[in-house]
Amino acid sequence: QVRLVESGGGLVQAGGSMNLTCAASGSFSRIGDMGWYRQAPGKERELVALIVTADTTNYSDSVKGRFTLSRDIAKNTVHLQMSSLNPEDTAVYYCKAYANVLGSVYEYWGQGTQVTVSS
């Protein structure tokens, strides 16, 4: 079983910054792609940022230049640094990771953490 534990989130004023962290634990041989998605009320879940290789991170156009995703491979952890936040960034943020378990790759999600940006 693989568990994704998210931390961070909360309330911040527009223009402010916030950091989210996601740590993977459990029985796996390797963590592959790892990152964050978000879902605002009444909207579909969407990509925020996802590290796919050591040199490649995919960002949503709406967060490029404002959010930075980094990874600590040794700790199976990703950190999302969010700056210049605006009310449109308000959503539940979900960590996602692909893990190799007994030779097969599975997709895992965290429980979600609320980010609220006040105007």
N, C-alpha and C. Protein backbone atom coordinates (compact mmCIF):
# COMPACT_ATOMS: atom_id res chain seq x y z
N GLN A 1 0.85 -1.19 0.00
CA GLN A 1 0.00 0.00 0.00
C GLN A 1 0.88 1.24 0.00
N VAL A 2 0.46 2.25 -0.77
CA VAL A 2 1.19 3.51 -0.85
C VAL A 2 0.31 4.61 -0.29
N ARG A 3 0.90 5.43 0.52
CA ARG A 3 0.16 6.54 1.13
C ARG A 3 0.83 7.85 0.78
N LEU A 4 0.01 8.83 0.39
CA LEU A 4 0.50 10.17 0.11
C LEU A 4 -0.01 11.09 1.20
N VAL A 5 0.92 11.70 1.93
CA VAL A 5 0.56 12.58 3.03
C VAL A 5 0.86 14.01 2.63
N GLU A 6 -0.17 14.83 2.61
CA GLU A 6 -0.06 16.23 2.20
C GLU A 6 0.00 17.13 3.43
N SER A 7 0.75 18.20 3.32
CA SER A 7 0.80 19.20 4.38
C SER A 7 0.88 20.58 3.73
N GLY A 8 0.52 21.57 4.51
CA GLY A 8 0.43 22.93 4.00
C GLY A 8 -1.03 23.25 3.73
N GLY A 9 -1.28 24.27 2.99
CA GLY A 9 -2.64 24.69 2.74
C GLY A 9 -3.15 25.62 3.81
N GLY A 10 -4.34 26.16 3.58
CA GLY A 10 -4.93 27.08 4.53
C GLY A 10 -5.43 28.32 3.82
N LEU A 11 -5.44 29.42 4.56
CA LEU A 11 -5.95 30.68 4.05
C LEU A 11 -4.82 31.68 3.86
N VAL A 12 -4.83 32.36 2.73
CA VAL A 12 -3.81 33.37 2.45
C VAL A 12 -4.47 34.51 1.69
N GLN A 13 -3.91 35.69 1.83
CA GLN A 13 -4.44 36.83 1.10
C GLN A 13 -3.90 36.86 -0.33
N ALA A 14 -4.65 37.47 -1.21
CA ALA A 14 -4.21 37.61 -2.59
C ALA A 14 -2.85 38.30 -2.63
N GLY A 15 -1.99 37.78 -3.49
CA GLY A 15 -0.64 38.29 -3.59
C GLY A 15 0.34 37.59 -2.68
N GLY A 16 -0.16 36.76 -1.80
CA GLY A 16 0.69 36.06 -0.85
C GLY A 16 1.27 34.78 -1.40
N SER A 17 1.96 34.07 -0.52
CA SER A 17 2.63 32.82 -0.89
C SER A 17 2.24 31.70 0.06
N MET A 18 2.41 30.48 -0.42
CA MET A 18 2.09 29.31 0.38
C MET A 18 2.86 28.13 -0.18
N ASN A 19 3.24 27.21 0.71
CA ASN A 19 3.94 26.01 0.28
C ASN A 19 3.12 24.77 0.63
N LEU A 20 3.13 23.82 -0.29
CA LEU A 20 2.51 22.51 -0.05
C LEU A 20 3.58 21.44 -0.16
N THR A 21 3.45 20.43 0.67
CA THR A 21 4.38 19.30 0.64
C THR A 21 3.61 18.00 0.58
N CYS A 22 4.12 17.07 -0.19
CA CYS A 22 3.52 15.74 -0.28
C CYS A 22 4.62 14.71 -0.11
N ALA A 23 4.42 13.77 0.79
CA ALA A 23 5.39 12.71 1.04
C ALA A 23 4.76 11.36 0.80
N ALA A 24 5.46 10.52 0.06
CA ALA A 24 4.97 9.17 -0.21
C ALA A 24 5.61 8.18 0.75
N SER A 25 4.80 7.29 1.26
CA SER A 25 5.31 6.24 2.14
C SER A 25 4.58 4.94 1.85
N GLY A 26 5.18 3.85 2.32
CA GLY A 26 4.55 2.55 2.11
C GLY A 26 5.48 1.58 1.43
N SER A 27 4.89 0.59 0.81
CA SER A 27 5.66 -0.49 0.19
C SER A 27 5.70 -0.30 -1.32
N PHE A 28 6.76 0.26 -1.79
CA PHE A 28 6.96 0.45 -3.23
C PHE A 28 8.45 0.40 -3.50
N SER A 29 8.80 0.12 -4.76
CA SER A 29 10.20 0.09 -5.11
C SER A 29 10.67 1.41 -5.69
N ARG A 30 9.74 2.15 -6.25
CA ARG A 30 10.12 3.41 -6.87
C ARG A 30 8.90 4.29 -7.05
N ILE A 31 9.10 5.59 -6.87
CA ILE A 31 8.07 6.59 -7.19
C ILE A 31 8.42 7.21 -8.53
N GLY A 32 7.47 7.25 -9.43
CA GLY A 32 7.68 7.86 -10.74
C GLY A 32 7.20 9.29 -10.75
N ASP A 33 6.36 9.62 -11.74
CA ASP A 33 5.82 10.97 -11.82
C ASP A 33 5.12 11.34 -10.51
N MET A 34 5.31 12.60 -10.10
CA MET A 34 4.72 13.02 -8.83
C MET A 34 4.43 14.50 -8.89
N GLY A 35 3.31 14.93 -8.37
CA GLY A 35 3.00 16.34 -8.40
C GLY A 35 1.64 16.65 -7.82
N TRP A 36 1.05 17.76 -8.31
CA TRP A 36 -0.18 18.28 -7.73
C TRP A 36 -1.23 18.56 -8.80
N TYR A 37 -2.48 18.29 -8.42
CA TYR A 37 -3.65 18.68 -9.17
C TYR A 37 -4.52 19.51 -8.23
N ARG A 38 -5.53 20.17 -8.80
CA ARG A 38 -6.46 20.92 -7.95
C ARG A 38 -7.86 20.86 -8.52
N GLN A 39 -8.81 21.05 -7.63
CA GLN A 39 -10.20 21.04 -8.05
C GLN A 39 -10.95 22.14 -7.31
N ALA A 40 -11.44 23.10 -8.07
CA ALA A 40 -12.25 24.18 -7.53
C ALA A 40 -13.71 23.76 -7.53
N PRO A 41 -14.53 24.37 -6.70
CA PRO A 41 -15.95 24.01 -6.65
C PRO A 41 -16.61 24.13 -8.02
N GLY A 42 -17.30 23.08 -8.43
CA GLY A 42 -18.01 23.09 -9.69
C GLY A 42 -17.15 22.91 -10.91
N LYS A 43 -15.86 22.64 -10.70
CA LYS A 43 -14.95 22.48 -11.84
C LYS A 43 -14.30 21.11 -11.83
N GLU A 44 -13.73 20.76 -12.98
CA GLU A 44 -13.01 19.51 -13.11
C GLU A 44 -11.66 19.60 -12.40
N ARG A 45 -11.16 18.46 -11.98
CA ARG A 45 -9.82 18.42 -11.41
C ARG A 45 -8.82 18.70 -12.54
N GLU A 46 -7.84 19.55 -12.26
CA GLU A 46 -6.89 19.95 -13.29
C GLU A 46 -5.46 19.85 -12.80
N LEU A 47 -4.55 19.69 -13.75
CA LEU A 47 -3.14 19.64 -13.43
C LEU A 47 -2.67 21.00 -12.92
N VAL A 48 -1.85 20.97 -11.88
CA VAL A 48 -1.13 22.16 -11.44
C VAL A 48 0.32 22.04 -11.89
N ALA A 49 0.99 21.01 -11.41
CA ALA A 49 2.39 20.78 -11.78
C ALA A 49 2.73 19.33 -11.51
N LEU A 50 3.53 18.76 -12.40
CA LEU A 50 3.88 17.34 -12.28
C LEU A 50 5.31 17.15 -12.74
N ILE A 51 6.13 16.56 -11.90
CA ILE A 51 7.50 16.22 -12.29
C ILE A 51 7.45 14.87 -12.98
N VAL A 52 7.89 14.84 -14.25
CA VAL A 52 7.83 13.59 -15.01
C VAL A 52 9.20 12.95 -15.18
N THR A 53 10.24 13.76 -15.18
CA THR A 53 11.61 13.24 -15.22
C THR A 53 12.45 14.20 -14.39
N ALA A 54 13.72 13.89 -14.27
CA ALA A 54 14.61 14.77 -13.50
C ALA A 54 14.71 16.16 -14.12
N ASP A 55 14.49 16.23 -15.44
CA ASP A 55 14.65 17.50 -16.14
C ASP A 55 13.35 18.11 -16.62
N THR A 56 12.25 17.45 -16.39
CA THR A 56 11.00 17.91 -16.95
C THR A 56 9.91 18.02 -15.91
N THR A 57 9.35 19.21 -15.82
CA THR A 57 8.19 19.45 -14.96
C THR A 57 7.12 20.11 -15.81
N ASN A 58 5.94 19.55 -15.81
CA ASN A 58 4.82 20.12 -16.55
C ASN A 58 4.02 21.03 -15.63
N TYR A 59 3.78 22.24 -16.09
CA TYR A 59 2.99 23.20 -15.34
C TYR A 59 1.74 23.59 -16.13
N SER A 60 0.67 23.84 -15.40
CA SER A 60 -0.50 24.44 -16.02
C SER A 60 -0.13 25.85 -16.46
N ASP A 61 -0.68 26.29 -17.58
CA ASP A 61 -0.40 27.65 -18.04
C ASP A 61 -0.79 28.68 -17.00
N SER A 62 -1.81 28.39 -16.23
CA SER A 62 -2.32 29.36 -15.26
C SER A 62 -1.38 29.57 -14.08
N VAL A 63 -0.42 28.67 -13.88
CA VAL A 63 0.48 28.81 -12.73
C VAL A 63 1.93 29.02 -13.14
N LYS A 64 2.23 28.93 -14.43
CA LYS A 64 3.60 29.12 -14.88
C LYS A 64 4.13 30.47 -14.45
N GLY A 65 5.36 30.45 -13.93
CA GLY A 65 5.98 31.68 -13.47
C GLY A 65 5.61 32.06 -12.05
N ARG A 66 4.59 31.40 -11.48
CA ARG A 66 4.17 31.72 -10.11
C ARG A 66 4.41 30.53 -9.17
N PHE A 67 4.28 29.33 -9.68
CA PHE A 67 4.43 28.13 -8.86
C PHE A 67 5.71 27.40 -9.28
N THR A 68 6.36 26.80 -8.30
CA THR A 68 7.55 26.00 -8.57
C THR A 68 7.44 24.67 -7.84
N LEU A 69 7.62 23.59 -8.58
CA LEU A 69 7.56 22.25 -8.00
C LEU A 69 8.97 21.68 -7.93
N SER A 70 9.34 21.21 -6.76
CA SER A 70 10.65 20.59 -6.60
C SER A 70 10.47 19.22 -5.96
N ARG A 71 11.54 18.43 -6.05
CA ARG A 71 11.43 17.04 -5.60
C ARG A 71 12.66 16.64 -4.80
N ASP A 72 12.42 15.92 -3.72
CA ASP A 72 13.48 15.30 -2.95
C ASP A 72 13.33 13.80 -3.17
N ILE A 73 14.14 13.27 -4.09
CA ILE A 73 14.00 11.87 -4.47
C ILE A 73 14.25 10.94 -3.29
N ALA A 74 15.26 11.26 -2.49
CA ALA A 74 15.63 10.40 -1.37
C ALA A 74 14.50 10.28 -0.36
N LYS A 75 13.70 11.34 -0.22
CA LYS A 75 12.61 11.35 0.75
C LYS A 75 11.25 11.09 0.11
N ASN A 76 11.25 10.82 -1.20
CA ASN A 76 9.98 10.60 -1.93
C ASN A 76 8.98 11.71 -1.64
N THR A 77 9.48 12.94 -1.76
CA THR A 77 8.69 14.10 -1.39
C THR A 77 8.73 15.14 -2.51
N VAL A 78 7.62 15.84 -2.69
CA VAL A 78 7.60 17.00 -3.59
C VAL A 78 7.12 18.21 -2.81
N HIS A 79 7.64 19.36 -3.22
CA HIS A 79 7.29 20.62 -2.58
C HIS A 79 6.77 21.57 -3.65
N LEU A 80 5.61 22.16 -3.41
CA LEU A 80 5.04 23.12 -4.34
C LEU A 80 5.09 24.49 -3.69
N GLN A 81 5.91 25.36 -4.27
CA GLN A 81 6.00 26.73 -3.80
C GLN A 81 5.08 27.58 -4.65
N MET A 82 4.12 28.22 -4.01
CA MET A 82 3.12 29.02 -4.71
C MET A 82 3.28 30.48 -4.31
N SER A 83 3.38 31.35 -5.30
CA SER A 83 3.52 32.77 -5.02
C SER A 83 2.54 33.55 -5.89
N SER A 84 2.41 34.82 -5.58
CA SER A 84 1.47 35.69 -6.30
C SER A 84 0.10 35.02 -6.42
N LEU A 85 -0.35 34.48 -5.32
CA LEU A 85 -1.63 33.77 -5.34
C LEU A 85 -2.79 34.73 -5.57
N ASN A 86 -3.79 34.24 -6.26
CA ASN A 86 -4.99 35.03 -6.50
C ASN A 86 -6.21 34.17 -6.19
N PRO A 87 -7.38 34.78 -6.06
CA PRO A 87 -8.57 34.01 -5.68
C PRO A 87 -8.88 32.84 -6.61
N GLU A 88 -8.45 32.94 -7.88
CA GLU A 88 -8.70 31.85 -8.82
C GLU A 88 -7.87 30.60 -8.49
N ASP A 89 -6.91 30.74 -7.60
CA ASP A 89 -6.12 29.59 -7.16
C ASP A 89 -6.81 28.82 -6.03
N THR A 90 -7.91 29.34 -5.54
CA THR A 90 -8.65 28.66 -4.48
C THR A 90 -9.20 27.34 -4.97
N ALA A 91 -8.86 26.28 -4.26
CA ALA A 91 -9.26 24.93 -4.66
C ALA A 91 -8.78 23.93 -3.61
N VAL A 92 -9.23 22.71 -3.75
CA VAL A 92 -8.63 21.60 -3.00
C VAL A 92 -7.48 21.07 -3.85
N TYR A 93 -6.32 21.02 -3.27
CA TYR A 93 -5.12 20.57 -3.96
C TYR A 93 -4.84 19.12 -3.58
N TYR A 94 -4.65 18.30 -4.62
CA TYR A 94 -4.43 16.87 -4.43
C TYR A 94 -3.04 16.48 -4.92
N CYS A 95 -2.35 15.73 -4.12
CA CYS A 95 -1.08 15.16 -4.55
C CYS A 95 -1.35 13.88 -5.33
N LYS A 96 -0.56 13.68 -6.37
CA LYS A 96 -0.68 12.48 -7.20
C LYS A 96 0.70 11.89 -7.42
N ALA A 97 0.78 10.58 -7.39
CA ALA A 97 2.06 9.92 -7.65
C ALA A 97 1.83 8.57 -8.29
N TYR A 98 2.78 8.17 -9.12
CA TYR A 98 2.79 6.83 -9.67
C TYR A 98 3.87 6.05 -8.93
N ALA A 99 3.51 4.87 -8.47
CA ALA A 99 4.45 4.07 -7.70
C ALA A 99 4.56 2.68 -8.31
N ASN A 100 5.80 2.19 -8.30
CA ASN A 100 6.05 0.83 -8.77
C ASN A 100 5.89 -0.12 -7.57
N VAL A 101 4.89 -0.96 -7.65
CA VAL A 101 4.60 -1.91 -6.57
C VAL A 101 4.61 -3.32 -7.16
N LEU A 102 5.54 -4.12 -6.72
CA LEU A 102 5.67 -5.51 -7.17
C LEU A 102 5.68 -5.62 -8.69
N GLY A 103 6.42 -4.72 -9.32
CA GLY A 103 6.62 -4.79 -10.76
C GLY A 103 5.57 -4.11 -11.60
N SER A 104 4.51 -3.61 -11.00
CA SER A 104 3.48 -2.89 -11.74
C SER A 104 3.40 -1.45 -11.24
N VAL A 105 2.96 -0.57 -12.14
CA VAL A 105 2.85 0.85 -11.78
C VAL A 105 1.40 1.19 -11.50
N TYR A 106 1.18 1.84 -10.38
CA TYR A 106 -0.16 2.23 -9.97
C TYR A 106 -0.21 3.73 -9.70
N GLU A 107 -1.40 4.28 -9.83
CA GLU A 107 -1.62 5.70 -9.58
C GLU A 107 -2.22 5.87 -8.19
N TYR A 108 -1.70 6.84 -7.45
CA TYR A 108 -2.19 7.11 -6.10
C TYR A 108 -2.50 8.59 -5.94
N TRP A 109 -3.48 8.86 -5.07
CA TRP A 109 -3.88 10.23 -4.77
C TRP A 109 -3.86 10.47 -3.26
N GLY A 110 -3.52 11.69 -2.88
CA GLY A 110 -3.66 12.10 -1.50
C GLY A 110 -5.09 12.47 -1.19
N GLN A 111 -5.33 12.81 0.06
CA GLN A 111 -6.70 13.10 0.50
C GLN A 111 -7.13 14.52 0.15
N GLY A 112 -6.18 15.36 -0.21
CA GLY A 112 -6.50 16.74 -0.59
C GLY A 112 -6.30 17.71 0.56
N THR A 113 -5.87 18.92 0.21
CA THR A 113 -5.71 19.97 1.20
C THR A 113 -6.30 21.26 0.62
N GLN A 114 -7.03 21.97 1.43
CA GLN A 114 -7.73 23.17 0.96
C GLN A 114 -6.78 24.37 0.92
N VAL A 115 -6.80 25.07 -0.19
CA VAL A 115 -6.09 26.34 -0.32
C VAL A 115 -7.15 27.40 -0.64
N THR A 116 -7.22 28.41 0.19
CA THR A 116 -8.18 29.48 0.00
C THR A 116 -7.44 30.81 -0.08
N VAL A 117 -7.67 31.54 -1.17
CA VAL A 117 -7.03 32.83 -1.37
C VAL A 117 -8.10 33.90 -1.29
N SER A 118 -7.97 34.77 -0.33
CA SER A 118 -8.96 35.83 -0.14
C SER A 118 -8.56 37.08 -0.92
N SER A 119 -9.54 37.78 -1.40
CA SER A 119 -9.27 38.99 -2.20
C SER A 119 -9.18 40.22 -1.32
